[in-house]
């Protein structure tokens, strides 16, 4: 066999050998259909199980948020339908409108009804339109309607949860009885000189500012400063002087207290409308730094007065008297009668004193409510001066 034949034979043998190797490899490579199916099924489980859990969770959440939505239907009361989580106050819950505006819309929509139901989150609520029913609720049958319906955790929100406006049941009744003498006209008149003193400071400030700025005065800032100083001197017993110095600590903390932002709005809405969720997430109505500031300030002022024996005709002095003696004295028969009408001087009531936390809570609540009293007083004064000129 010559060289050419050897080359041809070698080439053919190589091709045959390569073909045999490829055929052998194909024979040995036998993918298992069962293995592929197991892998696909395993991937499906990873997708199906979490998806199923999410569906179950969302279903339970939907049931939780809507389980009370047939409350008024079962009782035959006309009502404004609600949405999950938002209830009947969708625009308020989304911070588009104030809650009062939403309730006013429901009132106008059902103005012909004596009362109408709606939902605050998932909680059923009743809006009473009939004046006679309202009178019965707040006077004759008030013992059945004294709770305010705001569920607050006392550990997370001690200043707000323990004040008169948010206590419930026997604790509310006892607190109201003890505090009634502080709201008589005589006790309020006692603080009038303190408010008048702040008014003189404001008058002087406005005159000086008007002269320096060609008659231009920021009335809003002036009113805020006046209110802050009046609260400071009447409730907390401190001279803030924020009219002349708007950057005082009391003024800064007060602004921070009433400042409203998106995060605080969400927290407040959850606390008011979905208290179970707020408690689970540990939402605070008032931040801890604010709570500690007002608490420490009241404590320091009370301790200082006890040590020095200083007496001052303000609300803080009434709280000290209430804590030390268990009750507040009245100066005349008129105040005693007025106090009885407000719910004080109940017979056979055991003497008790307020805890420090309750004292701080009462003083703090006045920081929120006292501007309403001041506004009314200012309007009366303005109207009196206008109509008697």
Protein backbone atom coordinates (compact mmCIF):
# COMPACT_ATOMS: atom_id res chain seq x y z
CA UNK A 1 0.00 0.00 0.00
CA UNK A 2 1.54 3.26 -1.10
CA UNK A 3 1.70 6.50 0.85
CA UNK A 4 -1.50 7.92 -0.71
CA UNK A 5 -3.53 4.86 0.22
CA UNK A 6 -2.25 5.08 3.82
CA UNK A 7 -3.39 8.67 4.08
CA UNK A 8 -6.87 7.80 2.82
CA UNK A 9 -7.11 4.81 5.17
CA UNK A 10 -5.95 6.90 8.16
CA UNK A 11 -8.42 9.65 7.38
CA UNK A 12 -11.28 7.18 7.14
CA UNK A 13 -10.27 5.48 10.39
CA UNK A 14 -10.12 8.81 12.17
CA UNK A 15 -13.60 9.76 10.97
CA UNK A 16 -14.95 6.37 11.97
CA UNK A 17 -13.36 6.64 15.40
CA UNK A 18 -14.73 10.17 15.91
CA UNK A 19 -18.19 9.05 14.88
CA UNK A 20 -18.05 6.14 17.32
CA UNK A 21 -17.00 8.49 20.18
CA UNK A 22 -19.83 10.92 19.41
CA UNK A 23 -22.33 8.03 19.21
CA UNK A 24 -21.09 6.68 22.53
CA UNK A 25 -21.36 10.10 24.18
CA UNK A 26 -24.90 10.52 22.88
CA UNK A 27 -25.75 7.08 24.20
CA UNK A 28 -24.31 7.86 27.60
CA UNK A 29 -26.05 11.30 27.77
CA UNK A 30 -29.56 10.36 28.70
CA UNK A 31 -31.31 13.29 30.47
CA UNK A 32 -33.92 12.19 33.01
CA UNK A 33 -37.40 13.68 32.47
CA UNK A 34 -38.16 13.02 36.13
CA UNK A 35 -35.24 15.24 37.27
CA UNK A 36 -36.40 18.17 35.10
CA UNK A 37 -39.93 17.86 36.44
CA UNK A 38 -38.67 17.92 40.03
CA UNK A 39 -36.64 21.06 39.35
CA UNK A 40 -39.64 22.82 37.74
CA UNK A 41 -41.92 21.76 40.64
CA UNK A 42 -39.39 23.07 43.17
CA UNK A 43 -39.29 26.46 41.44
CA UNK A 44 -43.09 26.54 41.38
CA UNK A 45 -43.22 25.94 45.13
CA UNK A 46 -40.90 28.89 45.75
CA UNK A 47 -43.36 31.08 43.85
CA UNK A 48 -46.66 29.57 44.95
CA UNK A 49 -46.01 29.40 48.71
CA UNK A 50 -45.08 33.11 49.22
CA UNK A 51 -47.85 34.17 46.87
CA UNK A 52 -50.35 32.05 48.78
CA UNK A 53 -49.19 33.46 52.10
CA UNK A 54 -49.60 37.00 50.77
CA UNK A 55 -53.12 36.20 49.56
CA UNK A 56 -54.03 34.78 52.98
CA UNK A 57 -52.49 37.79 54.75
CA UNK A 58 -54.30 40.29 52.53
CA UNK A 59 -57.54 38.37 52.99
CA UNK A 60 -57.23 38.43 56.78
CA UNK A 61 -56.26 42.13 56.70
CA UNK A 62 -59.27 42.96 54.54
CA UNK A 63 -61.55 41.05 56.91
CA UNK A 64 -60.05 42.82 59.91
CA UNK A 65 -60.50 46.27 58.35
CA UNK A 66 -64.07 45.66 57.12
CA UNK A 67 -65.51 43.34 59.78
CA UNK A 68 -67.47 46.20 61.39
CA UNK A 69 -68.82 47.71 58.18
CA UNK A 70 -72.22 46.03 58.65
CA UNK A 71 -72.58 47.48 62.17
CA UNK A 72 -75.12 50.16 61.30
CA UNK A 73 -76.88 48.05 58.65
CA UNK A 74 -77.72 45.40 61.26
CA UNK A 75 -79.23 48.10 63.47
CA UNK A 76 -81.28 49.72 60.73
CA UNK A 77 -79.41 53.03 60.86
CA UNK A 78 -78.63 54.96 57.68
CA UNK A 79 -74.90 55.35 57.27
CA UNK A 80 -72.09 56.56 55.06
CA UNK A 81 -70.31 53.57 53.53
CA UNK A 82 -66.65 53.06 54.33
CA UNK A 83 -63.51 51.90 52.58
CA UNK A 84 -60.95 49.47 54.03
CA UNK A 85 -58.57 51.29 56.40
CA UNK A 86 -60.00 54.73 55.47
CA UNK A 87 -63.56 54.25 56.69
CA UNK A 88 -65.95 57.05 55.72
CA UNK A 89 -63.26 59.75 56.03
CA UNK A 90 -61.10 59.03 52.98
CA UNK A 91 -60.12 62.65 52.30
CA UNK A 92 -59.17 63.18 55.96
CA UNK A 93 -57.17 59.97 56.14
CA UNK A 94 -55.25 61.00 53.01
CA UNK A 95 -54.65 64.49 54.51
CA UNK A 96 -56.59 66.20 51.73
CA UNK A 97 -59.21 67.74 54.01
CA UNK A 98 -59.65 68.35 57.70
CA UNK A 99 -61.67 65.75 59.58
CA UNK A 100 -64.28 68.36 60.51
CA UNK A 101 -64.90 69.13 56.83
CA UNK A 102 -65.45 65.43 56.08
CA UNK A 103 -67.93 65.09 58.94
CA UNK A 104 -69.68 68.28 57.82
CA UNK A 105 -70.19 66.74 54.36
CA UNK A 106 -71.77 63.66 55.96
CA UNK A 107 -73.97 65.93 58.09
CA UNK A 108 -75.21 67.83 55.04
CA UNK A 109 -75.75 64.65 53.05
CA UNK A 110 -77.98 63.19 55.78
CA UNK A 111 -79.34 66.49 57.15
CA UNK A 112 -82.90 65.11 57.26
CA UNK A 113 -81.91 62.27 59.58
CA UNK A 114 -81.91 62.58 63.37
CA UNK A 115 -78.64 60.65 63.42
CA UNK A 116 -76.41 58.93 60.90
CA UNK A 117 -73.68 56.33 61.17
CA UNK A 118 -70.21 56.49 59.68
CA UNK A 119 -66.85 54.81 60.20
CA UNK A 120 -63.65 56.18 61.66
CA UNK A 121 -61.23 53.72 60.12
CA UNK A 122 -62.84 50.41 61.08
CA UNK A 123 -64.64 51.77 64.15
CA UNK A 124 -68.36 52.64 63.86
CA UNK A 125 -69.29 56.17 64.94
CA UNK A 126 -72.59 58.02 65.24
CA UNK A 127 -73.21 61.60 64.13
CA UNK A 128 -76.20 63.10 65.97
CA UNK A 129 -78.10 65.87 64.14
CA UNK A 130 -81.19 66.30 66.31
CA UNK A 131 -80.73 69.10 68.91
CA UNK A 132 -83.02 67.34 71.40
CA UNK A 133 -81.01 64.13 71.18
CA UNK A 134 -77.81 66.13 71.63
CA UNK A 135 -79.26 67.77 74.72
CA UNK A 136 -80.19 64.38 76.17
CA UNK A 137 -76.71 62.99 75.50
CA UNK A 138 -74.75 65.85 77.06
CA UNK A 139 -77.13 66.51 79.99
CA UNK A 140 -79.73 63.93 80.97
CA UNK A 141 -77.99 60.74 79.77
CA UNK A 142 -74.41 61.98 80.02
CA UNK A 143 -73.49 59.15 82.40
CA UNK A 144 -73.77 56.77 79.44
CA UNK A 145 -71.75 58.91 77.02
CA UNK A 146 -68.78 60.19 79.03
CA UNK A 147 -66.13 58.19 77.14
CA UNK A 148 -64.46 59.99 74.24
CA UNK A 149 -63.62 56.94 72.14
CA UNK A 150 -59.91 57.70 71.78
CA UNK A 151 -57.84 54.65 72.75
CA UNK A 152 -54.34 55.69 73.78
CA UNK A 153 -51.54 53.61 75.23
CA UNK A 154 -50.58 55.17 78.57
CA UNK A 155 -47.00 53.94 78.31
CA UNK A 156 -46.42 55.35 74.82
CA UNK A 157 -48.49 58.53 75.28
CA UNK A 158 -48.57 59.34 79.02
CA UNK A 159 -49.26 63.09 78.71
CA UNK A 160 -52.17 62.70 76.32
CA UNK A 161 -53.68 59.46 77.64
CA UNK A 162 -53.96 60.56 81.27
CA UNK A 163 -55.57 63.96 80.86
CA UNK A 164 -59.21 64.72 81.53
CA UNK A 165 -60.22 64.79 77.88
CA UNK A 166 -59.10 61.21 77.17
CA UNK A 167 -59.70 59.31 80.40
CA UNK A 168 -62.67 56.95 80.54
CA UNK A 169 -65.01 55.39 83.06
CA UNK A 170 -64.47 55.83 86.79
CA UNK A 171 -61.04 57.43 86.32
CA UNK A 172 -62.57 60.15 84.15
CA UNK A 173 -65.40 60.70 86.64
CA UNK A 174 -63.00 61.04 89.56
CA UNK A 175 -60.66 63.38 87.68
CA UNK A 176 -63.54 65.57 86.50
CA UNK A 177 -64.88 65.87 90.01
CA UNK A 178 -61.48 66.92 91.33
CA UNK A 179 -60.79 69.43 88.54
CA UNK A 180 -64.24 71.04 88.34
CA UNK A 181 -63.39 73.77 90.91
CA UNK A 182 -60.48 74.92 88.72
CA UNK A 183 -62.88 75.85 85.91
CA UNK A 184 -65.22 78.09 87.87
CA UNK A 185 -65.52 81.71 86.81
CA UNK A 186 -63.86 82.79 90.06
CA UNK A 187 -60.71 80.74 89.39
CA UNK A 188 -60.56 81.93 85.79
CA UNK A 189 -60.95 85.57 86.87
CA UNK A 190 -58.10 85.00 89.29
CA UNK A 191 -55.76 84.59 86.29
CA UNK A 192 -57.02 87.67 84.44
CA UNK A 193 -54.31 90.02 85.81
CA UNK A 194 -51.66 87.64 84.47
CA UNK A 195 -53.22 87.73 81.01
CA UNK A 196 -53.60 91.52 81.20
CA UNK A 197 -49.89 91.85 82.00
CA UNK A 198 -49.02 89.88 78.87
CA UNK A 199 -51.45 92.08 76.94
CA UNK A 200 -49.57 95.21 78.01
CA UNK A 201 -46.32 93.69 76.80
CA UNK A 202 -47.95 92.90 73.47
CA UNK A 203 -49.35 96.42 73.18
CA UNK A 204 -45.91 97.91 73.78
CA UNK A 205 -44.32 95.51 71.29
CA UNK A 206 -46.86 96.33 68.56
CA UNK A 207 -46.37 100.06 69.04
CA UNK A 208 -42.58 99.81 68.81
CA UNK A 209 -42.67 97.42 65.83
CA UNK A 210 -45.15 99.61 63.96
CA UNK A 211 -42.93 102.66 64.40
CA UNK A 212 -39.82 100.83 63.25
CA UNK A 213 -41.37 99.13 60.21
CA UNK A 214 -43.67 101.90 58.88
CA UNK A 215 -46.82 100.38 60.36
CA UNK A 216 -46.20 96.81 59.17
CA UNK A 217 -46.64 94.10 61.80
CA UNK A 218 -46.75 90.31 61.45
CA UNK A 219 -50.03 89.77 63.28
CA UNK A 220 -49.83 85.98 63.10
CA UNK A 221 -46.45 85.81 64.83
CA UNK A 222 -47.53 88.41 67.37
CA UNK A 223 -50.68 86.41 68.20
CA UNK A 224 -48.68 83.19 68.56
CA UNK A 225 -46.21 84.90 70.88
CA UNK A 226 -49.01 86.44 72.96
CA UNK A 227 -50.77 83.08 73.32
CA UNK A 228 -47.52 81.34 74.24
CA UNK A 229 -46.68 83.91 76.94
CA UNK A 230 -50.22 83.76 78.35
CA UNK A 231 -50.08 79.96 78.55
CA UNK A 232 -46.64 80.07 80.11
CA UNK A 233 -47.60 82.48 82.88
CA UNK A 234 -51.12 81.14 83.62
CA UNK A 235 -50.56 77.41 83.31
CA UNK A 236 -46.87 76.69 83.87
CA UNK A 237 -46.02 79.71 86.01
CA UNK A 238 -43.05 80.83 83.90
CA UNK A 239 -42.24 84.17 82.30
CA UNK A 240 -41.47 83.24 78.68
CA UNK A 241 -41.20 86.73 77.16
CA UNK A 242 -41.51 85.23 73.68
CA UNK A 243 -43.14 88.44 72.43
CA UNK A 244 -39.82 90.24 72.56
CA UNK A 245 -37.68 87.12 72.09
CA UNK A 246 -39.40 84.59 69.79
CA UNK A 247 -36.49 82.13 70.05
CA UNK A 248 -36.99 81.15 73.68
CA UNK A 249 -36.93 77.42 74.45
CA UNK A 250 -40.57 77.45 75.51
CA UNK A 251 -41.58 79.07 72.23
CA UNK A 252 -39.48 76.68 70.12
CA UNK A 253 -40.84 73.60 71.90
CA UNK A 254 -44.37 74.97 71.67
CA UNK A 255 -44.07 75.42 67.91
CA UNK A 256 -42.65 71.94 67.60
CA UNK A 257 -45.59 70.60 69.56
CA UNK A 258 -48.20 72.06 67.20
CA UNK A 259 -46.13 71.65 64.05
CA UNK A 260 -47.81 69.36 61.56
CA UNK A 261 -46.02 67.27 58.95
CA UNK A 262 -46.82 64.23 56.86
CA UNK A 263 -45.26 61.67 59.22
CA UNK A 264 -46.99 63.10 62.30
CA UNK A 265 -50.24 63.21 60.35
CA UNK A 266 -49.99 59.51 59.49
CA UNK A 267 -49.20 58.64 63.12
CA UNK A 268 -52.13 60.66 64.46
CA UNK A 269 -54.54 59.16 61.94
CA UNK A 270 -53.45 55.65 62.90
CA UNK A 271 -53.74 56.41 66.63
CA UNK A 272 -57.24 57.88 66.22
CA UNK A 273 -58.75 55.61 63.57
CA UNK A 274 -56.75 52.35 63.75
CA UNK A 275 -55.52 52.21 67.39
CA UNK A 276 -54.68 48.48 67.16
CA UNK A 277 -52.20 49.14 64.35
CA UNK A 278 -50.78 52.20 66.13
CA UNK A 279 -50.20 50.20 69.31
CA UNK A 280 -48.53 47.40 67.37
CA UNK A 281 -46.22 49.88 65.62
CA UNK A 282 -45.70 51.85 68.88
CA UNK A 283 -46.71 55.22 67.41
CA UNK A 284 -46.32 58.14 69.82
CA UNK A 285 -48.81 61.01 69.80
CA UNK A 286 -46.18 63.35 71.20
CA UNK A 287 -42.44 62.82 70.71
CA UNK A 288 -40.39 61.85 73.76
CA UNK A 289 -38.26 65.01 73.77
CA UNK A 290 -41.41 67.14 74.01
CA UNK A 291 -42.89 64.90 76.68
CA UNK A 292 -39.72 65.06 78.78
CA UNK A 293 -39.40 68.84 78.36
CA UNK A 294 -42.90 69.72 79.59
CA UNK A 295 -42.81 67.07 82.30
CA UNK A 296 -39.50 68.29 83.68
CA UNK A 297 -40.58 71.92 83.52
CA UNK A 298 -43.75 71.29 85.56
CA UNK A 299 -41.84 69.15 88.05
CA UNK A 300 -39.14 71.80 88.55
CA UNK A 301 -41.70 74.59 89.03
CA UNK A 302 -43.72 72.56 91.55
CA UNK A 303 -40.62 71.55 93.51
CA UNK A 304 -39.37 75.15 93.51
CA UNK A 305 -42.64 76.50 94.93
CA UNK A 306 -42.76 73.87 97.64
CA UNK A 307 -39.20 74.70 98.72
CA UNK A 308 -39.57 78.47 98.64
CA UNK A 309 -43.19 78.64 99.74
CA UNK A 310 -44.01 80.92 96.82
CA UNK A 311 -47.73 81.39 96.12
CA UNK A 312 -49.00 82.55 92.74
CA UNK A 313 -52.55 82.81 91.44
CA UNK A 314 -52.22 80.54 88.42
CA UNK A 315 -53.29 77.08 87.34
CA UNK A 316 -50.08 75.45 88.52
CA UNK A 317 -50.81 76.59 92.07
CA UNK A 318 -54.22 74.92 91.85
CA UNK A 319 -52.55 71.69 90.76
CA UNK A 320 -50.15 71.87 93.70
CA UNK A 321 -53.09 72.36 96.06
CA UNK A 322 -54.94 69.46 94.45
CA UNK A 323 -51.95 67.15 94.79
CA UNK A 324 -51.12 68.10 98.39
CA UNK A 325 -54.63 68.35 99.81
CA UNK A 326 -56.61 66.08 97.52
CA UNK A 327 -59.11 68.84 96.64
CA UNK A 328 -59.32 72.50 95.63
CA UNK A 329 -60.90 75.03 97.93
CA UNK A 330 -63.59 77.45 96.76
CA UNK A 331 -63.67 81.12 97.72
CA UNK A 332 -67.42 81.79 97.74
CA UNK A 333 -70.86 80.22 97.48
CA UNK A 334 -71.16 81.13 93.82
CA UNK A 335 -68.04 79.16 92.93
CA UNK A 336 -69.22 76.22 95.04
CA UNK A 337 -72.57 76.15 93.25
CA UNK A 338 -70.86 76.43 89.88
CA UNK A 339 -68.47 73.63 90.79
CA UNK A 340 -71.39 71.38 91.73
CA UNK A 341 -73.00 72.11 88.39
CA UNK A 342 -69.77 71.12 86.65
CA UNK A 343 -69.64 67.85 88.54
CA UNK A 344 -67.47 68.54 91.57
CA UNK A 345 -68.03 68.02 95.32
CA UNK A 346 -69.56 64.58 95.00
CA UNK A 347 -70.68 63.12 98.29
CA UNK A 348 -69.02 60.07 99.81
CA UNK A 349 -66.07 60.38 97.51
CA UNK A 350 -62.82 59.05 98.99
CA UNK A 351 -60.02 61.57 99.24
CA UNK A 352 -57.20 60.92 96.82
CA UNK A 353 -54.31 62.80 95.32
CA UNK A 354 -53.12 63.06 91.76
CA UNK A 355 -50.00 61.23 90.69
CA UNK A 356 -47.16 63.24 89.21
CA UNK A 357 -47.86 61.87 85.73
CA UNK A 358 -51.47 63.02 85.98
CA UNK A 359 -50.33 66.47 87.12
CA UNK A 360 -48.03 66.81 84.11
CA UNK A 361 -50.77 65.53 81.83
CA UNK A 362 -53.28 68.12 83.08
CA UNK A 363 -50.82 70.99 82.67
CA UNK A 364 -49.82 69.75 79.22
CA UNK A 365 -53.44 69.51 78.11
CA UNK A 366 -53.92 73.17 79.02
CA UNK A 367 -51.12 74.01 76.62
CA UNK A 368 -53.38 72.62 73.89
CA UNK A 369 -56.79 73.81 75.15
CA UNK A 370 -55.91 77.17 76.70
CA UNK A 371 -55.58 79.01 73.33
CA UNK A 372 -59.32 78.43 72.80
CA UNK A 373 -60.08 80.21 76.07
CA UNK A 374 -57.71 83.05 75.16
CA UNK A 375 -59.24 83.40 71.70
CA UNK A 376 -62.73 83.69 73.18
CA UNK A 377 -61.50 86.22 75.73
CA UNK A 378 -59.83 88.32 73.02
CA UNK A 379 -62.97 88.26 70.84
CA UNK A 380 -65.12 89.37 73.79
CA UNK A 381 -62.67 92.19 74.56
CA UNK A 382 -62.51 93.33 70.91
CA UNK A 383 -66.31 93.27 70.53
CA UNK A 384 -66.78 95.13 73.81
CA UNK A 385 -64.37 97.91 72.82
CA UNK A 386 -65.83 98.13 69.31
CA UNK A 387 -69.46 98.44 70.39
CA UNK A 388 -68.74 100.80 73.30
CA UNK A 389 -66.72 103.37 71.36
